């Protein structure tokens, strides 16, 4: 009886794996970048988010695509919302306390990470740093309990904090090691720096044009695999204790203890 196509594929796969194993190699599937995230956005939160986006558009015209609810929601797509949930899940796994702490988000963008922290924890204070006025206006609307500062935090002063987040930031910068050292310097003793970057094995976002502040590019110029990410953070982190991992949405993370 002839073999079915799925059977032939399984047989071919076993043959390839067997041949590679004789030379010490192993087939490992690449991360799928968010196709099966553990975090699922709450339906009530999604409804509230969409209502807040509409409200911002109605009362704050003139802020580019952020004043368009459909465009803003396209940016805050499901995979990105899952990503923020995964960041907080990683903090919980590694016992990063947020209750009663001063929390900063460098490169805070729409403020959604701080919004989720405010909704799920009881921090003492929340501050977000971002360079661009339009997106910061939206952040203030989405997370009114946070203070948002329009400045390049990696060129100016960072207020001391207990937990400092920098998610999807370092891959844009010309000097990511200097930026990491500035983040670590802002954390109080006993605090944490929480970092994420895309997995360089699957990231294909091009560099695009340079940023106006002259510190990097709109797109990505560093592509860290899990292994090179571990090496970079270990070398640039100044001997701090570090926990490494990969989120279910595909990003590499590192949590440094001060």
C-alpha atoms as a PDB file:
ATOM      1  CA  UNK A   1       0.000   0.000   0.000  1.00  0.00           C
ATOM      2  CA  UNK A   2       1.503   3.382  -0.929  1.00  0.00           C
ATOM      3  CA  UNK A   3       2.433   5.704   1.930  1.00  0.00           C
ATOM      4  CA  UNK A   4       0.410   8.844   2.519  1.00  0.00           C
ATOM      5  CA  UNK A   5       2.068  12.242   2.159  1.00  0.00           C
ATOM      6  CA  UNK A   6       2.131  12.896   5.955  1.00  0.00           C
ATOM      7  CA  UNK A   7       3.751   9.486   6.476  1.00  0.00           C
ATOM      8  CA  UNK A   8       6.416  10.265   3.876  1.00  0.00           C
ATOM      9  CA  UNK A   9       7.114  13.596   5.557  1.00  0.00           C
ATOM     10  CA  UNK A  10       7.526  11.927   8.965  1.00  0.00           C
ATOM     11  CA  UNK A  11       9.811   9.293   7.453  1.00  0.00           C
ATOM     12  CA  UNK A  12      11.910  11.949   5.711  1.00  0.00           C
ATOM     13  CA  UNK A  13      12.142  13.911   8.948  1.00  0.00           C
ATOM     14  CA  UNK A  14      13.392  10.868  10.853  1.00  0.00           C
ATOM     15  CA  UNK A  15      15.987  10.183   8.158  1.00  0.00           C
ATOM     16  CA  UNK A  16      17.264  13.776   8.226  1.00  0.00           C
ATOM     17  CA  UNK A  17      17.421  13.856  12.029  1.00  0.00           C
ATOM     18  CA  UNK A  18      19.196  10.502  12.086  1.00  0.00           C
ATOM     19  CA  UNK A  19      21.770  11.630   9.531  1.00  0.00           C
ATOM     20  CA  UNK A  20      22.461  14.890  11.366  1.00  0.00           C
ATOM     21  CA  UNK A  21      22.733  13.181  14.753  1.00  0.00           C
ATOM     22  CA  UNK A  22      25.649  11.071  13.469  1.00  0.00           C
ATOM     23  CA  UNK A  23      27.600  14.326  13.033  1.00  0.00           C
ATOM     24  CA  UNK A  24      26.558  15.733  16.410  1.00  0.00           C
ATOM     25  CA  UNK A  25      23.819  18.042  15.127  1.00  0.00           C
ATOM     26  CA  UNK A  26      20.214  18.362  16.246  1.00  0.00           C
ATOM     27  CA  UNK A  27      17.224  19.983  14.570  1.00  0.00           C
ATOM     28  CA  UNK A  28      15.631  22.584  16.852  1.00  0.00           C
ATOM     29  CA  UNK A  29      12.494  24.494  15.805  1.00  0.00           C
ATOM     30  CA  UNK A  30      12.870  28.272  15.653  1.00  0.00           C
ATOM     31  CA  UNK A  31      10.714  30.424  17.977  1.00  0.00           C
ATOM     32  CA  UNK A  32       7.393  31.296  16.415  1.00  0.00           C
ATOM     33  CA  UNK A  33       7.270  34.924  17.674  1.00  0.00           C
ATOM     34  CA  UNK A  34       3.913  35.013  19.306  1.00  0.00           C
ATOM     35  CA  UNK A  35       1.819  32.379  17.562  1.00  0.00           C
ATOM     36  CA  UNK A  36       0.984  30.698  20.884  1.00  0.00           C
ATOM     37  CA  UNK A  37       1.337  33.229  23.715  1.00  0.00           C
ATOM     38  CA  UNK A  38       0.391  32.190  27.219  1.00  0.00           C
ATOM     39  CA  UNK A  39      -1.082  35.600  27.985  1.00  0.00           C
ATOM     40  CA  UNK A  40      -4.515  36.423  26.588  1.00  0.00           C
ATOM     41  CA  UNK A  41      -5.780  39.978  26.907  1.00  0.00           C
ATOM     42  CA  UNK A  42      -8.892  40.252  29.041  1.00  0.00           C
ATOM     43  CA  UNK A  43     -12.006  41.050  26.995  1.00  0.00           C
ATOM     44  CA  UNK A  44     -12.996  43.836  29.407  1.00  0.00           C
ATOM     45  CA  UNK A  45      -9.526  45.373  29.147  1.00  0.00           C
ATOM     46  CA  UNK A  46      -9.677  45.256  25.346  1.00  0.00           C
ATOM     47  CA  UNK A  47     -13.059  46.979  25.377  1.00  0.00           C
ATOM     48  CA  UNK A  48     -11.741  49.600  27.807  1.00  0.00           C
ATOM     49  CA  UNK A  49      -8.615  50.146  25.684  1.00  0.00           C
ATOM     50  CA  UNK A  50     -10.645  50.678  22.520  1.00  0.00           C
ATOM     51  CA  UNK A  51     -12.979  53.041  24.368  1.00  0.00           C
ATOM     52  CA  UNK A  52      -9.981  55.044  25.660  1.00  0.00           C
ATOM     53  CA  UNK A  53      -8.489  55.228  22.159  1.00  0.00           C
ATOM     54  CA  UNK A  54     -11.750  56.618  20.805  1.00  0.00           C
ATOM     55  CA  UNK A  55     -11.949  59.093  23.668  1.00  0.00           C
ATOM     56  CA  UNK A  56      -8.372  60.261  23.038  1.00  0.00           C
ATOM     57  CA  UNK A  57      -9.133  60.768  19.340  1.00  0.00           C
ATOM     58  CA  UNK A  58     -12.248  62.786  20.150  1.00  0.00           C
ATOM     59  CA  UNK A  59     -10.550  65.129  22.625  1.00  0.00           C
ATOM     60  CA  UNK A  60      -6.954  65.227  21.345  1.00  0.00           C
ATOM     61  CA  UNK A  61      -6.864  65.721  17.572  1.00  0.00           C
ATOM     62  CA  UNK A  62      -3.608  66.554  15.834  1.00  0.00           C
ATOM     63  CA  UNK A  63      -1.406  63.841  17.329  1.00  0.00           C
ATOM     64  CA  UNK A  64      -0.749  62.024  14.079  1.00  0.00           C
ATOM     65  CA  UNK A  65      -1.742  58.347  13.862  1.00  0.00           C
ATOM     66  CA  UNK A  66      -2.271  58.242  17.653  1.00  0.00           C
ATOM     67  CA  UNK A  67      -5.382  60.386  17.150  1.00  0.00           C
ATOM     68  CA  UNK A  68      -6.784  57.699  14.843  1.00  0.00           C
ATOM     69  CA  UNK A  69      -8.283  54.878  16.960  1.00  0.00           C
ATOM     70  CA  UNK A  70      -7.894  52.316  14.168  1.00  0.00           C
ATOM     71  CA  UNK A  71      -4.232  53.197  13.590  1.00  0.00           C
ATOM     72  CA  UNK A  72      -3.447  53.184  17.307  1.00  0.00           C
ATOM     73  CA  UNK A  73      -5.183  49.829  17.737  1.00  0.00           C
ATOM     74  CA  UNK A  74      -3.212  48.462  14.770  1.00  0.00           C
ATOM     75  CA  UNK A  75      -0.038  49.348  16.649  1.00  0.00           C
ATOM     76  CA  UNK A  76      -1.404  47.934  19.903  1.00  0.00           C
ATOM     77  CA  UNK A  77      -2.211  44.653  18.176  1.00  0.00           C
ATOM     78  CA  UNK A  78      -2.863  41.403  19.979  1.00  0.00           C
ATOM     79  CA  UNK A  79       0.724  40.126  19.812  1.00  0.00           C
ATOM     80  CA  UNK A  80       2.008  43.371  21.334  1.00  0.00           C
ATOM     81  CA  UNK A  81      -0.543  43.228  24.142  1.00  0.00           C
ATOM     82  CA  UNK A  82       0.459  39.601  24.769  1.00  0.00           C
ATOM     83  CA  UNK A  83       4.096  40.725  24.865  1.00  0.00           C
ATOM     84  CA  UNK A  84       3.453  43.190  27.692  1.00  0.00           C
ATOM     85  CA  UNK A  85       1.639  40.471  29.607  1.00  0.00           C
ATOM     86  CA  UNK A  86       4.581  38.123  29.105  1.00  0.00           C
ATOM     87  CA  UNK A  87       6.999  40.760  30.420  1.00  0.00           C
ATOM     88  CA  UNK A  88       5.013  41.008  33.652  1.00  0.00           C
ATOM     89  CA  UNK A  89       4.723  37.217  33.862  1.00  0.00           C
ATOM     90  CA  UNK A  90       8.531  36.982  33.641  1.00  0.00           C
ATOM     91  CA  UNK A  91       8.821  39.531  36.460  1.00  0.00           C
ATOM     92  CA  UNK A  92       6.544  37.393  38.601  1.00  0.00           C
ATOM     93  CA  UNK A  93       8.542  34.221  37.845  1.00  0.00           C
ATOM     94  CA  UNK A  94      11.787  35.924  38.845  1.00  0.00           C
ATOM     95  CA  UNK A  95      10.297  37.560  41.953  1.00  0.00           C
ATOM     96  CA  UNK A  96      10.619  41.179  40.808  1.00  0.00           C
ATOM     97  CA  UNK A  97       8.372  43.074  43.251  1.00  0.00           C
ATOM     98  CA  UNK A  98       6.266  45.932  41.882  1.00  0.00           C
ATOM     99  CA  UNK A  99       3.955  46.608  44.855  1.00  0.00           C
ATOM    100  CA  UNK A 100       5.141  49.626  46.816  1.00  0.00           C
ATOM    101  CA  UNK A 101       8.000  50.269  44.382  1.00  0.00           C
ATOM    102  CA  UNK A 102       9.002  53.237  42.230  1.00  0.00           C
ATOM    103  CA  UNK A 103       8.799  51.920  38.647  1.00  0.00           C
ATOM    104  CA  UNK A 104      10.232  53.550  35.513  1.00  0.00           C
ATOM    105  CA  UNK A 105       9.743  52.624  31.867  1.00  0.00           C
ATOM    106  CA  UNK A 106      12.413  53.951  29.490  1.00  0.00           C
ATOM    107  CA  UNK A 107      11.028  54.187  25.979  1.00  0.00           C
ATOM    108  CA  UNK A 108       7.491  54.050  27.362  1.00  0.00           C
ATOM    109  CA  UNK A 109       5.740  54.644  24.022  1.00  0.00           C
ATOM    110  CA  UNK A 110       1.964  54.384  24.400  1.00  0.00           C
ATOM    111  CA  UNK A 111       2.298  53.773  28.146  1.00  0.00           C
ATOM    112  CA  UNK A 112       0.589  50.399  27.896  1.00  0.00           C
ATOM    113  CA  UNK A 113       3.141  48.542  30.035  1.00  0.00           C
ATOM    114  CA  UNK A 114       2.683  51.078  32.839  1.00  0.00           C
ATOM    115  CA  UNK A 115      -1.088  50.846  32.343  1.00  0.00           C
ATOM    116  CA  UNK A 116      -0.946  47.083  32.949  1.00  0.00           C
ATOM    117  CA  UNK A 117       1.333  47.526  35.966  1.00  0.00           C
ATOM    118  CA  UNK A 118      -1.115  50.038  37.437  1.00  0.00           C
ATOM    119  CA  UNK A 119      -3.998  47.627  36.819  1.00  0.00           C
ATOM    120  CA  UNK A 120      -2.336  44.524  38.263  1.00  0.00           C
ATOM    121  CA  UNK A 121      -0.051  45.878  41.023  1.00  0.00           C
ATOM    122  CA  UNK A 122       0.146  48.673  43.581  1.00  0.00           C
ATOM    123  CA  UNK A 123       3.363  50.545  42.774  1.00  0.00           C
ATOM    124  CA  UNK A 124       4.329  53.603  44.796  1.00  0.00           C
ATOM    125  CA  UNK A 125       4.977  55.610  41.629  1.00  0.00           C
ATOM    126  CA  UNK A 126       5.112  55.162  37.860  1.00  0.00           C
ATOM    127  CA  UNK A 127       7.169  57.252  35.450  1.00  0.00           C
ATOM    128  CA  UNK A 128       7.615  56.857  31.702  1.00  0.00           C
ATOM    129  CA  UNK A 129      10.316  58.408  29.530  1.00  0.00           C
ATOM    130  CA  UNK A 130       9.892  58.975  25.805  1.00  0.00           C
ATOM    131  CA  UNK A 131      11.215  61.531  23.374  1.00  0.00           C
ATOM    132  CA  UNK A 132       8.125  62.124  21.260  1.00  0.00           C
ATOM    133  CA  UNK A 133       5.259  64.414  22.278  1.00  0.00           C
ATOM    134  CA  UNK A 134       2.503  62.781  20.176  1.00  0.00           C
ATOM    135  CA  UNK A 135       2.851  59.277  21.582  1.00  0.00           C
ATOM    136  CA  UNK A 136       3.469  60.662  25.088  1.00  0.00           C
ATOM    137  CA  UNK A 137       0.137  62.501  24.902  1.00  0.00           C
ATOM    138  CA  UNK A 138      -1.580  59.162  24.250  1.00  0.00           C
ATOM    139  CA  UNK A 139       0.395  57.541  27.076  1.00  0.00           C
ATOM    140  CA  UNK A 140      -0.855  60.161  29.541  1.00  0.00           C
ATOM    141  CA  UNK A 141      -4.404  59.377  28.483  1.00  0.00           C
ATOM    142  CA  UNK A 142      -4.024  55.581  28.670  1.00  0.00           C
ATOM    143  CA  UNK A 143      -2.238  55.623  32.036  1.00  0.00           C
ATOM    144  CA  UNK A 144      -3.219  58.749  33.977  1.00  0.00           C
ATOM    145  CA  UNK A 145      -1.720  57.406  37.200  1.00  0.00           C
ATOM    146  CA  UNK A 146       1.794  57.626  35.705  1.00  0.00           C
ATOM    147  CA  UNK A 147       3.999  60.671  35.183  1.00  0.00           C
ATOM    148  CA  UNK A 148       5.390  60.898  31.668  1.00  0.00           C
ATOM    149  CA  UNK A 149       8.534  62.868  30.872  1.00  0.00           C
ATOM    150  CA  UNK A 150       9.295  64.005  27.330  1.00  0.00           C
ATOM    151  CA  UNK A 151      13.036  63.510  27.210  1.00  0.00           C
ATOM    152  CA  UNK A 152      15.680  61.174  25.914  1.00  0.00           C
ATOM    153  CA  UNK A 153      16.221  59.333  29.175  1.00  0.00           C
ATOM    154  CA  UNK A 154      19.429  57.725  27.953  1.00  0.00           C
ATOM    155  CA  UNK A 155      20.961  61.145  27.266  1.00  0.00           C
ATOM    156  CA  UNK A 156      19.499  63.024  30.251  1.00  0.00           C
ATOM    157  CA  UNK A 157      19.005  62.209  33.900  1.00  0.00           C
ATOM    158  CA  UNK A 158      16.983  59.248  35.130  1.00  0.00           C
ATOM    159  CA  UNK A 159      15.335  59.602  38.517  1.00  0.00           C
ATOM    160  CA  UNK A 160      16.280  56.780  40.915  1.00  0.00           C
ATOM    161  CA  UNK A 161      13.824  53.875  40.800  1.00  0.00           C
ATOM    162  CA  UNK A 162      13.407  50.393  42.229  1.00  0.00           C
ATOM    163  CA  UNK A 163      12.485  48.744  38.917  1.00  0.00           C
ATOM    164  CA  UNK A 164      13.501  50.093  35.500  1.00  0.00           C
ATOM    165  CA  UNK A 165      12.052  48.617  32.317  1.00  0.00           C
ATOM    166  CA  UNK A 166      13.565  49.064  28.854  1.00  0.00           C
ATOM    167  CA  UNK A 167      11.601  46.837  26.485  1.00  0.00           C
ATOM    168  CA  UNK A 168      12.467  46.703  22.784  1.00  0.00           C
ATOM    169  CA  UNK A 169      14.875  49.646  23.081  1.00  0.00           C
ATOM    170  CA  UNK A 170      18.499  48.505  22.975  1.00  0.00           C
ATOM    171  CA  UNK A 171      18.282  47.004  19.469  1.00  0.00           C
ATOM    172  CA  UNK A 172      17.795  50.545  18.079  1.00  0.00           C
ATOM    173  CA  UNK A 173      20.834  52.171  19.717  1.00  0.00           C
ATOM    174  CA  UNK A 174      24.351  52.786  18.480  1.00  0.00           C
ATOM    175  CA  UNK A 175      25.789  52.345  21.982  1.00  0.00           C
ATOM    176  CA  UNK A 176      23.609  49.770  23.755  1.00  0.00           C
ATOM    177  CA  UNK A 177      26.276  48.936  26.356  1.00  0.00           C
ATOM    178  CA  UNK A 178      26.428  52.583  27.473  1.00  0.00           C
ATOM    179  CA  UNK A 179      22.622  52.650  27.650  1.00  0.00           C
ATOM    180  CA  UNK A 180      22.544  49.503  29.782  1.00  0.00           C
ATOM    181  CA  UNK A 181      25.062  50.971  32.205  1.00  0.00           C
ATOM    182  CA  UNK A 182      22.932  54.136  32.548  1.00  0.00           C
ATOM    183  CA  UNK A 183      19.868  52.019  33.284  1.00  0.00           C
ATOM    184  CA  UNK A 184      21.736  50.077  35.947  1.00  0.00           C
ATOM    185  CA  UNK A 185      23.032  53.297  37.517  1.00  0.00           C
ATOM    186  CA  UNK A 186      19.440  54.517  37.998  1.00  0.00           C
ATOM    187  CA  UNK A 187      18.343  51.470  40.006  1.00  0.00           C
ATOM    188  CA  UNK A 188      18.445  51.589  43.776  1.00  0.00           C
ATOM    189  CA  UNK A 189      20.195  48.804  45.704  1.00  0.00           C
ATOM    190  CA  UNK A 190      17.983  45.733  45.782  1.00  0.00           C
ATOM    191  CA  UNK A 191      16.163  46.798  42.621  1.00  0.00           C
ATOM    192  CA  UNK A 192      15.993  45.383  39.112  1.00  0.00           C
ATOM    193  CA  UNK A 193      16.481  46.302  35.463  1.00  0.00           C
ATOM    194  CA  UNK A 194      14.131  44.446  33.110  1.00  0.00           C
ATOM    195  CA  UNK A 195      15.224  44.279  29.458  1.00  0.00           C
ATOM    196  CA  UNK A 196      13.806  42.715  26.306  1.00  0.00           C
ATOM    197  CA  UNK A 197      15.041  42.638  22.708  1.00  0.00           C
ATOM    198  CA  UNK A 198      13.793  40.741  19.651  1.00  0.00           C
ATOM    199  CA  UNK A 199      15.286  37.334  18.912  1.00  0.00           C
ATOM    200  CA  UNK A 200      17.923  38.128  16.305  1.00  0.00           C
ATOM    201  CA  UNK A 201      17.476  34.731  14.664  1.00  0.00           C
ATOM    202  CA  UNK A 202      14.027  35.724  13.433  1.00  0.00           C
ATOM    203  CA  UNK A 203      14.095  39.550  13.552  1.00  0.00           C
ATOM    204  CA  UNK A 204      14.158  41.129  10.081  1.00  0.00           C
ATOM    205  CA  UNK A 205      13.229  44.749  10.900  1.00  0.00           C
ATOM    206  CA  UNK A 206      15.640  46.962   8.846  1.00  0.00           C
ATOM    207  CA  UNK A 207      17.575  49.889  10.316  1.00  0.00           C
ATOM    208  CA  UNK A 208      15.631  52.624   8.450  1.00  0.00           C
ATOM    209  CA  UNK A 209      16.685  56.260   8.950  1.00  0.00           C
ATOM    210  CA  UNK A 210      18.644  57.561  11.959  1.00  0.00           C
ATOM    211  CA  UNK A 211      16.736  58.881  14.970  1.00  0.00           C
ATOM    212  CA  UNK A 212      16.543  62.677  15.346  1.00  0.00           C
ATOM    213  CA  UNK A 213      18.384  62.508  18.660  1.00  0.00           C
ATOM    214  CA  UNK A 214      21.412  60.954  16.983  1.00  0.00           C
ATOM    215  CA  UNK A 215      21.595  57.874  19.215  1.00  0.00           C
ATOM    216  CA  UNK A 216      20.340  55.141  16.880  1.00  0.00           C
ATOM    217  CA  UNK A 217      17.832  54.203  14.185  1.00  0.00           C
ATOM    218  CA  UNK A 218      14.062  53.918  13.883  1.00  0.00           C
ATOM    219  CA  UNK A 219      14.618  50.282  12.971  1.00  0.00           C
ATOM    220  CA  UNK A 220      16.955  47.628  14.351  1.00  0.00           C
ATOM    221  CA  UNK A 221      20.740  47.601  14.101  1.00  0.00           C
ATOM    222  CA  UNK A 222      21.498  44.829  16.635  1.00  0.00           C
ATOM    223  CA  UNK A 223      20.287  41.262  16.201  1.00  0.00           C
ATOM    224  CA  UNK A 224      21.041  39.233  19.323  1.00  0.00           C
ATOM    225  CA  UNK A 225      20.481  35.494  19.387  1.00  0.00           C
ATOM    226  CA  UNK A 226      19.734  34.071  22.850  1.00  0.00           C
ATOM    227  CA  UNK A 227      23.429  33.161  23.146  1.00  0.00           C
ATOM    228  CA  UNK A 228      24.877  36.510  22.006  1.00  0.00           C
ATOM    229  CA  UNK A 229      22.296  38.343  24.127  1.00  0.00           C
ATOM    230  CA  UNK A 230      23.522  36.467  27.202  1.00  0.00           C
ATOM    231  CA  UNK A 231      27.123  37.380  26.326  1.00  0.00           C
ATOM    232  CA  UNK A 232      26.293  41.050  25.738  1.00  0.00           C
ATOM    233  CA  UNK A 233      24.347  41.535  28.974  1.00  0.00           C
ATOM    234  CA  UNK A 234      26.913  39.606  31.042  1.00  0.00           C
ATOM    235  CA  UNK A 235      29.748  41.778  29.729  1.00  0.00           C
ATOM    236  CA  UNK A 236      27.897  45.114  29.839  1.00  0.00           C
ATOM    237  CA  UNK A 237      26.057  44.461  33.108  1.00  0.00           C
ATOM    238  CA  UNK A 238      29.051  45.082  35.343  1.00  0.00           C
ATOM    239  CA  UNK A 239      29.015  41.737  37.145  1.00  0.00           C
ATOM    240  CA  UNK A 240      25.399  41.990  38.311  1.00  0.00           C
ATOM    241  CA  UNK A 241      23.345  38.861  38.850  1.00  0.00           C
ATOM    242  CA  UNK A 242      21.242  38.234  35.733  1.00  0.00           C
ATOM    243  CA  UNK A 243      18.318  35.966  34.921  1.00  0.00           C
ATOM    244  CA  UNK A 244      17.895  35.175  31.218  1.00  0.00           C
ATOM    245  CA  UNK A 245      15.087  33.667  29.217  1.00  0.00           C
ATOM    246  CA  UNK A 246      12.812  33.938  26.226  1.00  0.00           C
ATOM    247  CA  UNK A 247       9.201  35.065  26.312  1.00  0.00           C
ATOM    248  CA  UNK A 248       6.455  32.973  24.768  1.00  0.00           C
ATOM    249  CA  UNK A 249       6.057  35.824  22.271  1.00  0.00           C
ATOM    250  CA  UNK A 250       9.648  35.219  21.096  1.00  0.00           C
ATOM    251  CA  UNK A 251      11.703  38.034  22.650  1.00  0.00           C
ATOM    252  CA  UNK A 252      14.902  37.553  24.622  1.00  0.00           C
ATOM    253  CA  UNK A 253      14.812  38.979  28.128  1.00  0.00           C
ATOM    254  CA  UNK A 254      17.263  39.697  30.917  1.00  0.00           C
ATOM    255  CA  UNK A 255      16.513  40.751  34.493  1.00  0.00           C
ATOM    256  CA  UNK A 256      19.480  42.318  36.313  1.00  0.00           C
ATOM    257  CA  UNK A 257      19.604  42.608  40.087  1.00  0.00           C
ATOM    258  CA  UNK A 258      21.137  45.733  41.574  1.00  0.00           C
END
